[in-house]
Amino acid sequence: WHPMADHAVVVARMKQLKDGLKRQINVKVTHDALRNAYIEGLFAMGDRCVSPIVESLADGTDWEKACKERSIDASAYIYRKKAFDERLPWDFIDNGIDKASLWREYCKAEAL
C-alpha cells in the first residue's frame, strides 16, 4: 500500500486537476482541506499510540503541536509504504472480499 503523497505533490496534483477541468461544462472540482486529509491519514493508519492526539484536539490543541509534545512522528504513519502481510487497522472488517484479491487488484492498478 502506497503512503499518502507529500504535501507539495498533492497541491500540484490538485492544481493540475482543477486546471485541466476548468473549461469543462458542468464540472466543478472540489476537495476537502488538505490539512484535514493528513489528520485523517494519521488516524486511519495510526494505532493506539495516536489516541492522545484525539484528546489534544478535544482540548483545542493543534494536531501538529500535539504530535510534537508527545513525540509522535505523524509521517511514520502517513507516509510509510505498507506491506501486504502487514496488519492494517481495518483488517478486522469483513467486506466479503479477501485481502489477497484486493492486493491483486491494487497491483494491477499500480501497473497501469
N, C-alpha and C. Protein backbone atom coordinates (compact mmCIF):
# COMPACT_ATOMS: atom_id res chain seq x y z
N TRP A 1 0.85 -1.17 0.00
CA TRP A 1 0.00 0.00 0.00
C TRP A 1 0.89 1.23 0.00
N HIS A 2 0.65 2.10 -0.92
CA HIS A 2 1.47 3.31 -1.00
C HIS A 2 1.05 4.31 0.06
N PRO A 3 2.00 5.03 0.56
CA PRO A 3 1.70 6.06 1.54
C PRO A 3 1.04 7.27 0.88
N MET A 4 0.52 8.14 1.68
CA MET A 4 -0.02 9.40 1.18
C MET A 4 1.11 10.21 0.54
N ALA A 5 0.80 10.90 -0.52
CA ALA A 5 1.80 11.72 -1.20
C ALA A 5 2.19 12.92 -0.35
N ASP A 6 3.37 13.40 -0.58
CA ASP A 6 3.89 14.59 0.09
C ASP A 6 2.96 15.78 -0.17
N HIS A 7 2.90 16.70 0.78
CA HIS A 7 2.02 17.86 0.69
C HIS A 7 2.18 18.61 -0.64
N ALA A 8 3.42 18.90 -1.04
CA ALA A 8 3.66 19.65 -2.28
C ALA A 8 3.16 18.88 -3.49
N VAL A 9 3.30 17.57 -3.48
CA VAL A 9 2.83 16.74 -4.60
C VAL A 9 1.31 16.79 -4.68
N VAL A 10 0.64 16.69 -3.54
CA VAL A 10 -0.83 16.74 -3.53
C VAL A 10 -1.33 18.09 -4.03
N VAL A 11 -0.70 19.17 -3.59
CA VAL A 11 -1.09 20.51 -4.03
C VAL A 11 -0.93 20.62 -5.55
N ALA A 12 0.19 20.15 -6.08
CA ALA A 12 0.44 20.22 -7.52
C ALA A 12 -0.57 19.38 -8.29
N ARG A 13 -0.90 18.20 -7.79
CA ARG A 13 -1.88 17.33 -8.47
C ARG A 13 -3.27 17.96 -8.47
N MET A 14 -3.65 18.57 -7.35
CA MET A 14 -4.96 19.22 -7.29
C MET A 14 -5.03 20.39 -8.26
N LYS A 15 -3.96 21.15 -8.35
CA LYS A 15 -3.90 22.27 -9.30
C LYS A 15 -4.02 21.74 -10.73
N GLN A 16 -3.32 20.67 -11.03
CA GLN A 16 -3.36 20.08 -12.37
C GLN A 16 -4.78 19.62 -12.71
N LEU A 17 -5.44 18.98 -11.76
CA LEU A 17 -6.82 18.54 -11.98
C LEU A 17 -7.75 19.73 -12.21
N LYS A 18 -7.64 20.72 -11.36
CA LYS A 18 -8.51 21.90 -11.50
C LYS A 18 -8.26 22.62 -12.82
N ASP A 19 -6.99 22.82 -13.16
CA ASP A 19 -6.66 23.50 -14.42
C ASP A 19 -7.13 22.70 -15.63
N GLY A 20 -6.97 21.40 -15.56
CA GLY A 20 -7.36 20.55 -16.68
C GLY A 20 -8.86 20.46 -16.90
N LEU A 21 -9.62 20.67 -15.83
CA LEU A 21 -11.07 20.52 -15.93
C LEU A 21 -11.85 21.83 -15.89
N LYS A 22 -11.15 22.96 -15.74
CA LYS A 22 -11.87 24.23 -15.55
C LYS A 22 -12.66 24.65 -16.79
N ARG A 23 -12.29 24.19 -17.97
CA ARG A 23 -13.02 24.57 -19.19
C ARG A 23 -14.17 23.61 -19.51
N GLN A 24 -14.30 22.56 -18.71
CA GLN A 24 -15.36 21.60 -18.95
C GLN A 24 -16.69 22.13 -18.41
N ILE A 25 -17.71 22.02 -19.21
CA ILE A 25 -19.03 22.48 -18.81
C ILE A 25 -19.58 21.53 -17.75
N ASN A 26 -20.21 22.09 -16.75
CA ASN A 26 -20.86 21.33 -15.68
C ASN A 26 -19.90 20.47 -14.86
N VAL A 27 -18.64 20.84 -14.82
CA VAL A 27 -17.67 20.12 -13.98
C VAL A 27 -17.09 21.11 -12.99
N LYS A 28 -17.22 20.78 -11.73
CA LYS A 28 -16.67 21.61 -10.67
C LYS A 28 -15.83 20.71 -9.77
N VAL A 29 -14.59 21.06 -9.59
CA VAL A 29 -13.68 20.27 -8.77
C VAL A 29 -13.66 20.86 -7.36
N THR A 30 -14.04 20.05 -6.40
CA THR A 30 -13.98 20.46 -5.00
C THR A 30 -13.24 19.38 -4.22
N HIS A 31 -12.69 19.76 -3.11
CA HIS A 31 -11.98 18.80 -2.26
C HIS A 31 -11.97 19.32 -0.84
N ASP A 32 -11.74 18.40 0.07
CA ASP A 32 -11.59 18.79 1.47
C ASP A 32 -10.29 19.56 1.63
N ALA A 33 -10.18 20.26 2.71
CA ALA A 33 -8.94 20.96 3.01
C ALA A 33 -7.82 19.92 3.14
N LEU A 34 -6.72 20.19 2.52
CA LEU A 34 -5.59 19.27 2.53
C LEU A 34 -5.15 18.94 3.96
N ARG A 35 -5.22 19.92 4.79
CA ARG A 35 -4.85 19.73 6.20
C ARG A 35 -5.67 18.59 6.82
N ASN A 36 -6.96 18.56 6.51
CA ASN A 36 -7.82 17.51 7.05
C ASN A 36 -7.42 16.13 6.53
N ALA A 37 -6.96 16.06 5.30
CA ALA A 37 -6.55 14.77 4.73
C ALA A 37 -5.39 14.16 5.50
N TYR A 38 -4.46 14.98 5.95
CA TYR A 38 -3.32 14.47 6.70
C TYR A 38 -3.74 14.00 8.09
N ILE A 39 -4.64 14.72 8.72
CA ILE A 39 -5.16 14.29 10.02
C ILE A 39 -5.90 12.96 9.84
N GLU A 40 -6.72 12.87 8.80
CA GLU A 40 -7.46 11.64 8.52
C GLU A 40 -6.50 10.49 8.25
N GLY A 41 -5.43 10.76 7.50
CA GLY A 41 -4.43 9.73 7.23
C GLY A 41 -3.76 9.25 8.50
N LEU A 42 -3.45 10.17 9.39
CA LEU A 42 -2.83 9.82 10.66
C LEU A 42 -3.75 8.91 11.46
N PHE A 43 -5.02 9.27 11.56
CA PHE A 43 -5.94 8.46 12.35
C PHE A 43 -6.30 7.15 11.64
N ALA A 44 -6.35 7.15 10.32
CA ALA A 44 -6.67 5.92 9.59
C ALA A 44 -5.56 4.88 9.73
N MET A 45 -4.32 5.33 9.70
CA MET A 45 -3.20 4.40 9.76
C MET A 45 -2.57 4.31 11.15
N GLY A 46 -3.04 5.14 12.06
CA GLY A 46 -2.46 5.15 13.40
C GLY A 46 -2.93 3.98 14.24
N ASP A 47 -2.21 3.75 15.30
CA ASP A 47 -2.58 2.72 16.26
C ASP A 47 -2.96 3.43 17.57
N ARG A 48 -2.98 2.69 18.66
CA ARG A 48 -3.39 3.32 19.91
C ARG A 48 -2.41 4.38 20.40
N CYS A 49 -1.24 4.41 19.82
CA CYS A 49 -0.26 5.45 20.22
C CYS A 49 -0.71 6.85 19.81
N VAL A 50 -1.60 6.96 18.81
CA VAL A 50 -2.04 8.28 18.38
C VAL A 50 -3.30 8.75 19.12
N SER A 51 -3.82 7.92 20.00
CA SER A 51 -5.04 8.32 20.72
C SER A 51 -4.86 9.59 21.56
N PRO A 52 -3.68 9.86 22.12
CA PRO A 52 -3.54 11.12 22.85
C PRO A 52 -3.74 12.36 21.96
N ILE A 53 -3.52 12.20 20.66
CA ILE A 53 -3.74 13.32 19.74
C ILE A 53 -5.22 13.68 19.70
N VAL A 54 -6.07 12.67 19.73
CA VAL A 54 -7.52 12.92 19.75
C VAL A 54 -7.89 13.72 20.99
N GLU A 55 -7.33 13.34 22.12
CA GLU A 55 -7.60 14.06 23.36
C GLU A 55 -7.12 15.51 23.26
N SER A 56 -5.96 15.71 22.64
CA SER A 56 -5.43 17.07 22.48
C SER A 56 -6.31 17.91 21.57
N LEU A 57 -6.83 17.30 20.51
CA LEU A 57 -7.73 18.01 19.61
C LEU A 57 -9.00 18.45 20.35
N ALA A 58 -9.48 17.59 21.22
CA ALA A 58 -10.67 17.92 22.00
C ALA A 58 -10.40 19.11 22.93
N ASP A 59 -9.15 19.24 23.34
CA ASP A 59 -8.77 20.37 24.21
C ASP A 59 -8.43 21.63 23.41
N GLY A 60 -8.49 21.54 22.08
CA GLY A 60 -8.22 22.69 21.24
C GLY A 60 -6.78 22.82 20.77
N THR A 61 -5.96 21.82 21.04
CA THR A 61 -4.56 21.86 20.63
C THR A 61 -4.44 21.48 19.16
N ASP A 62 -3.59 22.16 18.43
CA ASP A 62 -3.30 21.84 17.04
C ASP A 62 -2.69 20.44 16.98
N TRP A 63 -3.07 19.64 15.97
CA TRP A 63 -2.61 18.25 15.91
C TRP A 63 -1.10 18.14 15.73
N GLU A 64 -0.49 19.06 14.97
CA GLU A 64 0.95 19.00 14.78
C GLU A 64 1.69 19.31 16.09
N LYS A 65 1.18 20.27 16.82
CA LYS A 65 1.76 20.61 18.12
C LYS A 65 1.59 19.44 19.09
N ALA A 66 0.43 18.82 19.05
CA ALA A 66 0.17 17.68 19.93
C ALA A 66 1.12 16.52 19.62
N CYS A 67 1.40 16.30 18.34
CA CYS A 67 2.35 15.25 17.96
C CYS A 67 3.74 15.55 18.51
N LYS A 68 4.17 16.80 18.38
CA LYS A 68 5.49 17.18 18.90
C LYS A 68 5.56 17.01 20.41
N GLU A 69 4.52 17.47 21.10
CA GLU A 69 4.51 17.37 22.56
C GLU A 69 4.59 15.93 23.04
N ARG A 70 4.07 15.00 22.26
CA ARG A 70 4.03 13.60 22.66
C ARG A 70 5.05 12.74 21.90
N SER A 71 5.94 13.41 21.16
CA SER A 71 6.99 12.71 20.39
C SER A 71 6.41 11.65 19.45
N ILE A 72 5.31 12.00 18.80
CA ILE A 72 4.69 11.10 17.83
C ILE A 72 5.07 11.59 16.44
N ASP A 73 5.67 10.72 15.66
CA ASP A 73 6.08 11.05 14.29
C ASP A 73 4.92 10.72 13.35
N ALA A 74 4.11 11.72 13.05
CA ALA A 74 2.94 11.51 12.20
C ALA A 74 3.33 10.98 10.83
N SER A 75 4.47 11.43 10.30
CA SER A 75 4.89 10.98 8.97
C SER A 75 5.17 9.48 8.94
N ALA A 76 5.53 8.90 10.07
CA ALA A 76 5.77 7.45 10.12
C ALA A 76 4.47 6.69 9.85
N TYR A 77 3.35 7.29 10.20
CA TYR A 77 2.06 6.67 9.93
C TYR A 77 1.55 7.05 8.55
N ILE A 78 1.70 8.31 8.19
CA ILE A 78 1.10 8.83 6.97
C ILE A 78 1.88 8.44 5.72
N TYR A 79 3.20 8.55 5.72
CA TYR A 79 3.99 8.40 4.51
C TYR A 79 4.63 7.02 4.31
N ARG A 80 4.60 6.18 5.31
CA ARG A 80 5.27 4.89 5.21
C ARG A 80 4.52 3.94 4.27
N LYS A 81 5.27 3.29 3.38
CA LYS A 81 4.66 2.30 2.49
C LYS A 81 4.35 1.05 3.30
N LYS A 82 3.17 0.51 3.07
CA LYS A 82 2.73 -0.66 3.81
C LYS A 82 2.95 -1.94 2.99
N ALA A 83 3.19 -3.03 3.66
CA ALA A 83 3.40 -4.32 3.00
C ALA A 83 2.10 -5.13 3.03
N PHE A 84 2.00 -6.08 2.11
CA PHE A 84 0.80 -6.91 2.02
C PHE A 84 0.52 -7.65 3.32
N ASP A 85 1.56 -8.19 3.94
CA ASP A 85 1.35 -9.01 5.13
C ASP A 85 1.21 -8.19 6.42
N GLU A 86 1.27 -6.87 6.29
CA GLU A 86 1.09 -6.02 7.46
C GLU A 86 -0.36 -6.02 7.90
N ARG A 87 -0.56 -6.03 9.19
CA ARG A 87 -1.92 -5.96 9.73
C ARG A 87 -2.35 -4.49 9.71
N LEU A 88 -3.42 -4.21 8.99
CA LEU A 88 -3.91 -2.84 8.84
C LEU A 88 -5.10 -2.60 9.77
N PRO A 89 -5.34 -1.36 10.14
CA PRO A 89 -6.39 -1.06 11.13
C PRO A 89 -7.78 -1.58 10.75
N TRP A 90 -8.06 -1.71 9.48
CA TRP A 90 -9.39 -2.12 9.04
C TRP A 90 -9.47 -3.60 8.67
N ASP A 91 -8.41 -4.36 8.90
CA ASP A 91 -8.39 -5.77 8.53
C ASP A 91 -9.47 -6.61 9.22
N PHE A 92 -9.98 -6.16 10.33
CA PHE A 92 -11.00 -6.93 11.04
C PHE A 92 -12.37 -6.82 10.37
N ILE A 93 -12.54 -5.88 9.46
CA ILE A 93 -13.83 -5.68 8.80
C ILE A 93 -13.99 -6.70 7.68
N ASP A 94 -15.08 -7.44 7.70
CA ASP A 94 -15.37 -8.43 6.67
C ASP A 94 -16.25 -7.79 5.61
N ASN A 95 -15.63 -7.44 4.47
CA ASN A 95 -16.39 -6.83 3.39
C ASN A 95 -16.74 -7.84 2.30
N GLY A 96 -16.46 -9.12 2.56
CA GLY A 96 -16.79 -10.17 1.60
C GLY A 96 -15.71 -10.41 0.55
N ILE A 97 -14.65 -9.62 0.58
CA ILE A 97 -13.55 -9.78 -0.38
C ILE A 97 -12.28 -10.02 0.43
N ASP A 98 -11.58 -11.10 0.09
CA ASP A 98 -10.39 -11.39 0.86
C ASP A 98 -9.25 -10.44 0.51
N LYS A 99 -8.32 -10.29 1.43
CA LYS A 99 -7.23 -9.33 1.30
C LYS A 99 -6.35 -9.64 0.08
N ALA A 100 -6.15 -10.92 -0.22
CA ALA A 100 -5.32 -11.30 -1.37
C ALA A 100 -5.93 -10.79 -2.68
N SER A 101 -7.24 -10.87 -2.80
CA SER A 101 -7.91 -10.37 -4.01
C SER A 101 -7.76 -8.86 -4.13
N LEU A 102 -7.92 -8.17 -3.02
CA LEU A 102 -7.75 -6.72 -3.02
C LEU A 102 -6.31 -6.35 -3.39
N TRP A 103 -5.36 -7.11 -2.89
CA TRP A 103 -3.95 -6.84 -3.18
C TRP A 103 -3.67 -7.04 -4.68
N ARG A 104 -4.23 -8.10 -5.27
CA ARG A 104 -4.03 -8.33 -6.72
C ARG A 104 -4.59 -7.16 -7.53
N GLU A 105 -5.78 -6.69 -7.16
CA GLU A 105 -6.39 -5.56 -7.87
C GLU A 105 -5.55 -4.30 -7.70
N TYR A 106 -5.04 -4.12 -6.52
CA TYR A 106 -4.18 -2.97 -6.25
C TYR A 106 -2.92 -3.02 -7.13
N CYS A 107 -2.31 -4.19 -7.23
CA CYS A 107 -1.11 -4.35 -8.05
C CYS A 107 -1.41 -4.11 -9.52
N LYS A 108 -2.57 -4.56 -9.98
CA LYS A 108 -2.98 -4.29 -11.38
C LYS A 108 -3.11 -2.78 -11.62
N ALA A 109 -3.73 -2.10 -10.69
CA ALA A 109 -3.91 -0.65 -10.82
C ALA A 109 -2.57 0.06 -10.81
N GLU A 110 -1.66 -0.38 -9.98
CA GLU A 110 -0.33 0.21 -9.92
C GLU A 110 0.43 0.03 -11.23
N ALA A 111 0.17 -1.06 -11.92
CA ALA A 111 0.88 -1.37 -13.17
C ALA A 111 0.40 -0.50 -14.33
N LEU A 112 -0.74 0.13 -14.20
CA LEU A 112 -1.28 0.97 -15.30
C LEU A 112 -0.46 2.22 -15.51
